[in-house]
Amino acid sequence: MTLTAAIALGRLTAAPGVGRWIGRAAAATDLSPRRSWMSSVVSLSDEDAVTKFRKIHPKSILYFTATWCPPCKAIGPVYENMSIDHPNIAFGKVDVDNNQEAAAEFKVSSVPTFVTFDGEEAVEKFLGADRDKLTRHVLELEGR
């Protein structure tokens, strides 16, 4: 099937803010970040995907966001760039409207919220679109 045909049939979608096409099935099941010049953020569509993501990555960070959230739109590109700059950390993204179970599990009451993990253990949880705070937490996680 050609790329054009796949797009027309709705089998491929554009990754938000990235200009590359990914298969819907791959987005939901492939939890390994792709390391390239493009974003390495993995969108996690359900609670099971979040659990698997945390299990297979030694160090990870989850970004809880919403499409309607202006601060999320501001910090999103920063988060995506960090995913490229810190290849030893897996970067996951959870839309709280589409994955309410994961948001409830981590008691997310506002967005953006970030949770860092060393293995499956949550290390830090912090709120807000603060670039410096996000950078500090990513560097701390990287140094663990």
N, C-alpha and C. Protein backbone atom coordinates (compact mmCIF):
# COMPACT_ATOMS: atom_id res chain seq x y z
N MET A 1 0.85 -1.18 0.00
CA MET A 1 0.00 0.00 0.00
C MET A 1 0.89 1.23 0.00
N THR A 2 0.56 2.18 -0.80
CA THR A 2 1.34 3.40 -0.87
C THR A 2 1.01 4.29 0.32
N LEU A 3 1.91 5.22 0.61
CA LEU A 3 1.68 6.17 1.70
C LEU A 3 0.41 6.97 1.47
N THR A 4 0.20 7.41 0.25
CA THR A 4 -0.99 8.19 -0.08
C THR A 4 -2.26 7.38 0.17
N ALA A 5 -2.26 6.11 -0.22
CA ALA A 5 -3.43 5.26 -0.01
C ALA A 5 -3.67 5.03 1.47
N ALA A 6 -2.60 4.82 2.24
CA ALA A 6 -2.75 4.60 3.68
C ALA A 6 -3.32 5.83 4.37
N ILE A 7 -2.88 7.00 3.95
CA ILE A 7 -3.40 8.25 4.52
C ILE A 7 -4.87 8.39 4.19
N ALA A 8 -5.22 8.13 2.93
CA ALA A 8 -6.61 8.27 2.50
C ALA A 8 -7.53 7.30 3.24
N LEU A 9 -7.03 6.12 3.56
CA LEU A 9 -7.84 5.13 4.27
C LEU A 9 -7.84 5.36 5.78
N GLY A 10 -7.10 6.34 6.24
CA GLY A 10 -7.07 6.64 7.67
C GLY A 10 -6.22 5.69 8.48
N ARG A 11 -5.32 4.97 7.82
CA ARG A 11 -4.46 4.02 8.53
C ARG A 11 -3.19 4.66 9.06
N LEU A 12 -2.92 5.86 8.64
CA LEU A 12 -1.76 6.59 9.15
C LEU A 12 -2.22 7.94 9.65
N THR A 13 -1.55 8.42 10.68
CA THR A 13 -1.86 9.73 11.23
C THR A 13 -0.56 10.50 11.42
N ALA A 14 -0.65 11.79 11.39
CA ALA A 14 0.53 12.62 11.63
C ALA A 14 0.76 12.68 13.12
N ALA A 15 1.99 12.47 13.53
CA ALA A 15 2.34 12.65 14.93
C ALA A 15 2.27 14.12 15.24
N PRO A 16 1.58 14.52 16.32
CA PRO A 16 1.39 15.94 16.62
C PRO A 16 2.71 16.70 16.69
N GLY A 17 2.79 17.77 15.96
CA GLY A 17 3.96 18.65 16.00
C GLY A 17 5.20 18.06 15.39
N VAL A 18 5.11 16.95 14.75
CA VAL A 18 6.30 16.30 14.21
C VAL A 18 6.32 16.17 12.72
N GLY A 19 5.65 16.25 11.86
CA GLY A 19 5.76 16.11 10.44
C GLY A 19 6.16 14.74 9.95
N ARG A 20 5.90 13.70 10.70
CA ARG A 20 6.16 12.36 10.20
C ARG A 20 4.89 11.54 10.37
N TRP A 21 4.78 10.51 9.60
CA TRP A 21 3.57 9.70 9.62
C TRP A 21 3.87 8.40 10.35
N ILE A 22 2.95 8.01 11.21
CA ILE A 22 3.11 6.75 11.93
C ILE A 22 1.82 5.97 11.84
N GLY A 23 1.94 4.67 11.79
CA GLY A 23 0.75 3.83 11.76
C GLY A 23 0.05 3.87 13.10
N ARG A 24 -1.27 3.84 13.10
CA ARG A 24 -2.02 3.85 14.35
C ARG A 24 -1.68 2.65 15.20
N ALA A 25 -1.57 1.49 14.60
CA ALA A 25 -1.23 0.29 15.37
C ALA A 25 0.15 0.44 15.99
N ALA A 26 1.10 1.00 15.24
CA ALA A 26 2.45 1.19 15.77
C ALA A 26 2.44 2.18 16.91
N ALA A 27 1.65 3.21 16.81
CA ALA A 27 1.60 4.21 17.87
C ALA A 27 1.09 3.61 19.16
N ALA A 28 0.19 2.66 19.08
CA ALA A 28 -0.40 2.07 20.27
C ALA A 28 0.43 0.92 20.83
N THR A 29 1.21 0.22 19.98
CA THR A 29 1.89 -0.98 20.44
C THR A 29 3.40 -0.86 20.49
N ASP A 30 4.01 -0.03 19.69
CA ASP A 30 5.45 0.12 19.67
C ASP A 30 5.84 1.13 20.73
N LEU A 31 6.36 0.64 21.85
CA LEU A 31 6.65 1.52 22.98
C LEU A 31 8.11 1.92 23.04
N SER A 32 8.89 1.55 22.06
CA SER A 32 10.30 1.91 22.01
C SER A 32 10.45 3.24 21.28
N PRO A 33 11.03 4.24 21.94
CA PRO A 33 11.21 5.51 21.25
C PRO A 33 12.14 5.35 20.06
N ARG A 34 11.85 6.06 19.00
CA ARG A 34 12.70 6.06 17.83
C ARG A 34 13.76 7.15 18.02
N ARG A 35 15.01 6.76 17.90
CA ARG A 35 16.10 7.70 18.09
C ARG A 35 16.53 8.25 16.74
N SER A 36 16.21 9.47 16.48
CA SER A 36 16.61 10.13 15.25
C SER A 36 16.53 11.62 15.48
N TRP A 37 16.62 12.38 14.42
CA TRP A 37 16.52 13.84 14.54
C TRP A 37 15.10 14.25 14.84
N MET A 38 14.14 13.34 14.70
CA MET A 38 12.76 13.65 15.01
C MET A 38 12.46 13.31 16.45
N SER A 39 11.33 13.75 16.92
CA SER A 39 10.91 13.50 18.29
C SER A 39 10.95 12.02 18.63
N SER A 40 11.31 11.72 19.85
CA SER A 40 11.32 10.36 20.35
C SER A 40 10.24 10.16 21.40
N VAL A 41 9.24 11.01 21.41
CA VAL A 41 8.15 10.90 22.38
C VAL A 41 7.16 9.85 21.91
N VAL A 42 6.79 8.95 22.83
CA VAL A 42 5.84 7.89 22.54
C VAL A 42 4.48 8.28 23.12
N SER A 43 3.44 8.33 22.28
CA SER A 43 2.09 8.59 22.76
C SER A 43 1.51 7.30 23.32
N LEU A 44 1.00 7.38 24.54
CA LEU A 44 0.48 6.20 25.24
C LEU A 44 -1.03 6.32 25.35
N SER A 45 -1.72 5.45 24.66
CA SER A 45 -3.16 5.60 24.47
C SER A 45 -4.03 4.99 25.55
N ASP A 46 -3.46 4.09 26.37
CA ASP A 46 -4.28 3.50 27.44
C ASP A 46 -3.40 3.12 28.62
N GLU A 47 -4.04 2.71 29.70
CA GLU A 47 -3.32 2.41 30.93
C GLU A 47 -2.34 1.25 30.75
N ASP A 48 -2.73 0.27 29.95
CA ASP A 48 -1.86 -0.87 29.68
C ASP A 48 -0.58 -0.43 28.98
N ALA A 49 -0.70 0.48 28.03
CA ALA A 49 0.47 1.00 27.33
C ALA A 49 1.40 1.73 28.29
N VAL A 50 0.83 2.48 29.23
CA VAL A 50 1.63 3.19 30.23
C VAL A 50 2.40 2.19 31.09
N THR A 51 1.72 1.14 31.53
CA THR A 51 2.35 0.12 32.37
C THR A 51 3.50 -0.56 31.62
N LYS A 52 3.27 -0.95 30.38
CA LYS A 52 4.32 -1.60 29.58
C LYS A 52 5.49 -0.65 29.34
N PHE A 53 5.19 0.59 29.05
CA PHE A 53 6.23 1.60 28.81
C PHE A 53 7.16 1.70 30.02
N ARG A 54 6.57 1.78 31.21
CA ARG A 54 7.37 1.89 32.44
C ARG A 54 8.18 0.62 32.70
N LYS A 55 7.64 -0.54 32.35
CA LYS A 55 8.34 -1.80 32.60
C LYS A 55 9.55 -2.00 31.69
N ILE A 56 9.45 -1.56 30.44
CA ILE A 56 10.53 -1.86 29.50
C ILE A 56 11.65 -0.81 29.47
N HIS A 57 11.45 0.32 30.14
CA HIS A 57 12.47 1.36 30.12
C HIS A 57 13.06 1.57 31.52
N PRO A 58 14.39 1.52 31.63
CA PRO A 58 15.03 1.71 32.94
C PRO A 58 14.78 3.11 33.53
N LYS A 59 14.71 4.10 32.66
CA LYS A 59 14.45 5.48 33.10
C LYS A 59 13.45 6.09 32.14
N SER A 60 12.42 6.70 32.70
CA SER A 60 11.40 7.28 31.83
C SER A 60 10.73 8.47 32.50
N ILE A 61 10.04 9.22 31.67
CA ILE A 61 9.26 10.36 32.15
C ILE A 61 7.94 10.38 31.38
N LEU A 62 6.86 10.59 32.11
CA LEU A 62 5.54 10.72 31.50
C LEU A 62 5.10 12.17 31.56
N TYR A 63 4.56 12.62 30.47
CA TYR A 63 4.05 13.99 30.32
C TYR A 63 2.54 13.88 30.13
N PHE A 64 1.79 14.33 31.13
CA PHE A 64 0.33 14.34 31.07
C PHE A 64 -0.11 15.69 30.53
N THR A 65 -0.89 15.66 29.45
CA THR A 65 -1.22 16.85 28.71
C THR A 65 -2.66 16.80 28.22
N ALA A 66 -3.10 17.88 27.59
CA ALA A 66 -4.41 17.93 26.95
C ALA A 66 -4.31 18.87 25.75
N THR A 67 -5.06 18.59 24.72
CA THR A 67 -4.99 19.39 23.50
C THR A 67 -5.49 20.82 23.72
N TRP A 68 -6.36 21.03 24.70
CA TRP A 68 -6.96 22.34 24.94
C TRP A 68 -6.13 23.20 25.90
N CYS A 69 -5.01 22.71 26.37
CA CYS A 69 -4.21 23.35 27.42
C CYS A 69 -3.12 24.26 26.84
N PRO A 70 -3.25 25.61 26.97
CA PRO A 70 -2.21 26.51 26.44
C PRO A 70 -0.81 26.28 27.03
N PRO A 71 -0.65 26.09 28.36
CA PRO A 71 0.70 25.83 28.86
C PRO A 71 1.30 24.54 28.30
N CYS A 72 0.44 23.54 28.04
CA CYS A 72 0.91 22.28 27.46
C CYS A 72 1.45 22.52 26.05
N LYS A 73 0.77 23.38 25.31
CA LYS A 73 1.22 23.70 23.95
C LYS A 73 2.57 24.42 23.99
N ALA A 74 2.80 25.18 25.03
CA ALA A 74 4.07 25.91 25.16
C ALA A 74 5.23 24.97 25.53
N ILE A 75 4.98 24.02 26.44
CA ILE A 75 6.06 23.16 26.91
C ILE A 75 6.24 21.93 26.02
N GLY A 76 5.26 21.59 25.20
CA GLY A 76 5.33 20.41 24.34
C GLY A 76 6.57 20.35 23.46
N PRO A 77 6.89 21.41 22.72
CA PRO A 77 8.10 21.37 21.88
C PRO A 77 9.39 21.23 22.70
N VAL A 78 9.42 21.80 23.89
CA VAL A 78 10.59 21.66 24.77
C VAL A 78 10.76 20.19 25.15
N TYR A 79 9.65 19.56 25.53
CA TYR A 79 9.66 18.14 25.91
C TYR A 79 10.12 17.28 24.74
N GLU A 80 9.62 17.56 23.55
CA GLU A 80 10.01 16.79 22.37
C GLU A 80 11.50 16.96 22.08
N ASN A 81 12.03 18.16 22.21
CA ASN A 81 13.47 18.38 22.00
C ASN A 81 14.30 17.63 23.05
N MET A 82 13.82 17.60 24.28
CA MET A 82 14.53 16.88 25.33
C MET A 82 14.60 15.39 25.01
N SER A 83 13.57 14.87 24.38
CA SER A 83 13.56 13.44 24.03
C SER A 83 14.69 13.12 23.06
N ILE A 84 15.08 14.07 22.26
CA ILE A 84 16.18 13.88 21.31
C ILE A 84 17.52 14.05 22.02
N ASP A 85 17.60 15.02 22.92
CA ASP A 85 18.84 15.35 23.61
C ASP A 85 19.22 14.37 24.71
N HIS A 86 18.25 13.57 25.19
CA HIS A 86 18.50 12.64 26.30
C HIS A 86 18.06 11.24 25.90
N PRO A 87 18.86 10.57 25.05
CA PRO A 87 18.45 9.27 24.52
C PRO A 87 18.42 8.14 25.54
N ASN A 88 18.98 8.34 26.73
CA ASN A 88 18.96 7.29 27.75
C ASN A 88 17.70 7.32 28.60
N ILE A 89 16.81 8.25 28.31
CA ILE A 89 15.54 8.36 29.01
C ILE A 89 14.43 8.18 27.99
N ALA A 90 13.42 7.40 28.34
CA ALA A 90 12.26 7.23 27.47
C ALA A 90 11.24 8.31 27.82
N PHE A 91 10.71 8.97 26.81
CA PHE A 91 9.75 10.06 26.98
C PHE A 91 8.38 9.61 26.51
N GLY A 92 7.41 9.60 27.43
CA GLY A 92 6.05 9.21 27.09
C GLY A 92 5.11 10.38 27.25
N LYS A 93 4.02 10.33 26.50
CA LYS A 93 3.04 11.41 26.50
C LYS A 93 1.65 10.80 26.67
N VAL A 94 0.89 11.35 27.63
CA VAL A 94 -0.44 10.84 27.92
C VAL A 94 -1.43 11.98 27.82
N ASP A 95 -2.39 11.86 26.90
CA ASP A 95 -3.48 12.84 26.80
C ASP A 95 -4.52 12.46 27.85
N VAL A 96 -4.74 13.34 28.82
CA VAL A 96 -5.63 13.01 29.94
C VAL A 96 -7.08 12.82 29.51
N ASP A 97 -7.48 13.39 28.40
CA ASP A 97 -8.85 13.21 27.92
C ASP A 97 -9.02 11.84 27.26
N ASN A 98 -7.97 11.33 26.64
CA ASN A 98 -8.04 10.04 25.96
C ASN A 98 -7.60 8.88 26.84
N ASN A 99 -6.90 9.14 27.92
CA ASN A 99 -6.38 8.09 28.80
C ASN A 99 -6.66 8.50 30.25
N GLN A 100 -7.93 8.55 30.59
CA GLN A 100 -8.34 8.99 31.93
C GLN A 100 -7.90 8.02 33.01
N GLU A 101 -7.77 6.74 32.68
CA GLU A 101 -7.35 5.74 33.67
C GLU A 101 -5.93 6.02 34.16
N ALA A 102 -5.02 6.30 33.24
CA ALA A 102 -3.64 6.59 33.63
C ALA A 102 -3.58 7.90 34.41
N ALA A 103 -4.35 8.89 33.99
CA ALA A 103 -4.38 10.17 34.72
C ALA A 103 -4.87 9.95 36.14
N ALA A 104 -5.87 9.10 36.32
CA ALA A 104 -6.39 8.81 37.66
C ALA A 104 -5.37 8.04 38.48
N GLU A 105 -4.69 7.08 37.86
CA GLU A 105 -3.68 6.28 38.56
C GLU A 105 -2.60 7.16 39.18
N PHE A 106 -2.19 8.20 38.46
CA PHE A 106 -1.13 9.08 38.94
C PHE A 106 -1.66 10.36 39.59
N LYS A 107 -2.97 10.37 39.85
CA LYS A 107 -3.62 11.49 40.55
C LYS A 107 -3.30 12.83 39.89
N VAL A 108 -3.44 12.87 38.58
CA VAL A 108 -3.20 14.09 37.82
C VAL A 108 -4.43 14.97 37.94
N SER A 109 -4.24 16.13 38.55
CA SER A 109 -5.37 17.05 38.76
C SER A 109 -5.26 18.30 37.90
N SER A 110 -4.09 18.52 37.29
CA SER A 110 -3.91 19.65 36.38
C SER A 110 -2.85 19.27 35.35
N VAL A 111 -2.89 19.98 34.24
CA VAL A 111 -1.93 19.72 33.18
C VAL A 111 -1.20 21.02 32.84
N PRO A 112 0.05 20.94 32.45
CA PRO A 112 0.84 19.73 32.33
C PRO A 112 1.34 19.21 33.68
N THR A 113 1.43 17.89 33.76
CA THR A 113 2.02 17.21 34.90
C THR A 113 3.07 16.25 34.36
N PHE A 114 4.19 16.16 35.04
CA PHE A 114 5.28 15.27 34.66
C PHE A 114 5.58 14.32 35.81
N VAL A 115 5.83 13.05 35.49
CA VAL A 115 6.21 12.06 36.49
C VAL A 115 7.45 11.35 35.97
N THR A 116 8.52 11.34 36.78
CA THR A 116 9.75 10.66 36.39
C THR A 116 9.81 9.30 37.08
N PHE A 117 10.42 8.33 36.39
CA PHE A 117 10.51 6.96 36.89
C PHE A 117 11.93 6.44 36.77
N ASP A 118 12.39 5.80 37.83
CA ASP A 118 13.62 5.04 37.81
C ASP A 118 13.15 3.59 37.88
N GLY A 119 13.18 2.91 36.75
CA GLY A 119 12.52 1.60 36.65
C GLY A 119 11.02 1.85 36.69
N GLU A 120 10.32 1.05 37.46
CA GLU A 120 8.87 1.23 37.58
C GLU A 120 8.50 2.16 38.74
N GLU A 121 9.50 2.56 39.52
CA GLU A 121 9.26 3.40 40.69
C GLU A 121 9.16 4.88 40.31
N ALA A 122 8.05 5.50 40.70
CA ALA A 122 7.91 6.94 40.49
C ALA A 122 8.86 7.66 41.43
N VAL A 123 9.66 8.56 40.86
CA VAL A 123 10.67 9.28 41.64
C VAL A 123 10.18 10.68 41.98
N GLU A 124 9.66 11.38 41.01
CA GLU A 124 9.20 12.76 41.19
C GLU A 124 7.93 12.99 40.40
N LYS A 125 7.10 13.89 40.90
CA LYS A 125 5.92 14.36 40.18
C LYS A 125 5.91 15.87 40.34
N PHE A 126 5.77 16.57 39.23
CA PHE A 126 5.75 18.02 39.31
C PHE A 126 4.80 18.59 38.27
N LEU A 127 4.30 19.76 38.54
CA LEU A 127 3.29 20.41 37.70
C LEU A 127 3.86 21.65 37.05
N GLY A 128 3.26 22.01 35.93
CA GLY A 128 3.57 23.29 35.32
C GLY A 128 4.46 23.21 34.10
N ALA A 129 4.38 24.26 33.30
CA ALA A 129 5.14 24.37 32.06
C ALA A 129 6.41 25.18 32.28
N ASP A 130 7.21 24.74 33.23
CA ASP A 130 8.45 25.43 33.60
C ASP A 130 9.63 24.70 32.97
N ARG A 131 10.21 25.31 31.94
CA ARG A 131 11.33 24.71 31.21
C ARG A 131 12.51 24.38 32.12
N ASP A 132 12.87 25.29 33.00
CA ASP A 132 14.02 25.06 33.88
C ASP A 132 13.77 23.90 34.84
N LYS A 133 12.57 23.83 35.38
CA LYS A 133 12.21 22.74 36.30
C LYS A 133 12.23 21.41 35.57
N LEU A 134 11.68 21.37 34.36
CA LEU A 134 11.69 20.15 33.56
C LEU A 134 13.12 19.72 33.26
N THR A 135 13.95 20.65 32.86
CA THR A 135 15.35 20.35 32.57
C THR A 135 16.05 19.79 33.80
N ARG A 136 15.84 20.42 34.94
CA ARG A 136 16.46 19.97 36.19
C ARG A 136 16.06 18.52 36.51
N HIS A 137 14.78 18.22 36.40
CA HIS A 137 14.30 16.86 36.71
C HIS A 137 14.81 15.82 35.71
N VAL A 138 14.90 16.18 34.45
CA VAL A 138 15.44 15.26 33.45
C VAL A 138 16.91 14.99 33.74
N LEU A 139 17.67 16.02 34.06
CA LEU A 139 19.10 15.84 34.37
C LEU A 139 19.29 15.02 35.64
N GLU A 140 18.44 15.23 36.64
CA GLU A 140 18.51 14.43 37.88
C GLU A 140 18.22 12.97 37.58
N LEU A 141 17.21 12.71 36.77
CA LEU A 141 16.87 11.34 36.40
C LEU A 141 18.01 10.70 35.62
N GLU A 142 18.59 11.44 34.72
CA GLU A 142 19.70 10.93 33.90
C GLU A 142 20.89 10.56 34.78
N GLY A 143 21.12 11.29 35.85
CA GLY A 143 22.25 11.06 36.73
C GLY A 143 22.03 9.98 37.78
N ARG A 144 20.83 9.45 37.88
CA ARG A 144 20.55 8.39 38.87
C ARG A 144 21.22 7.09 38.51
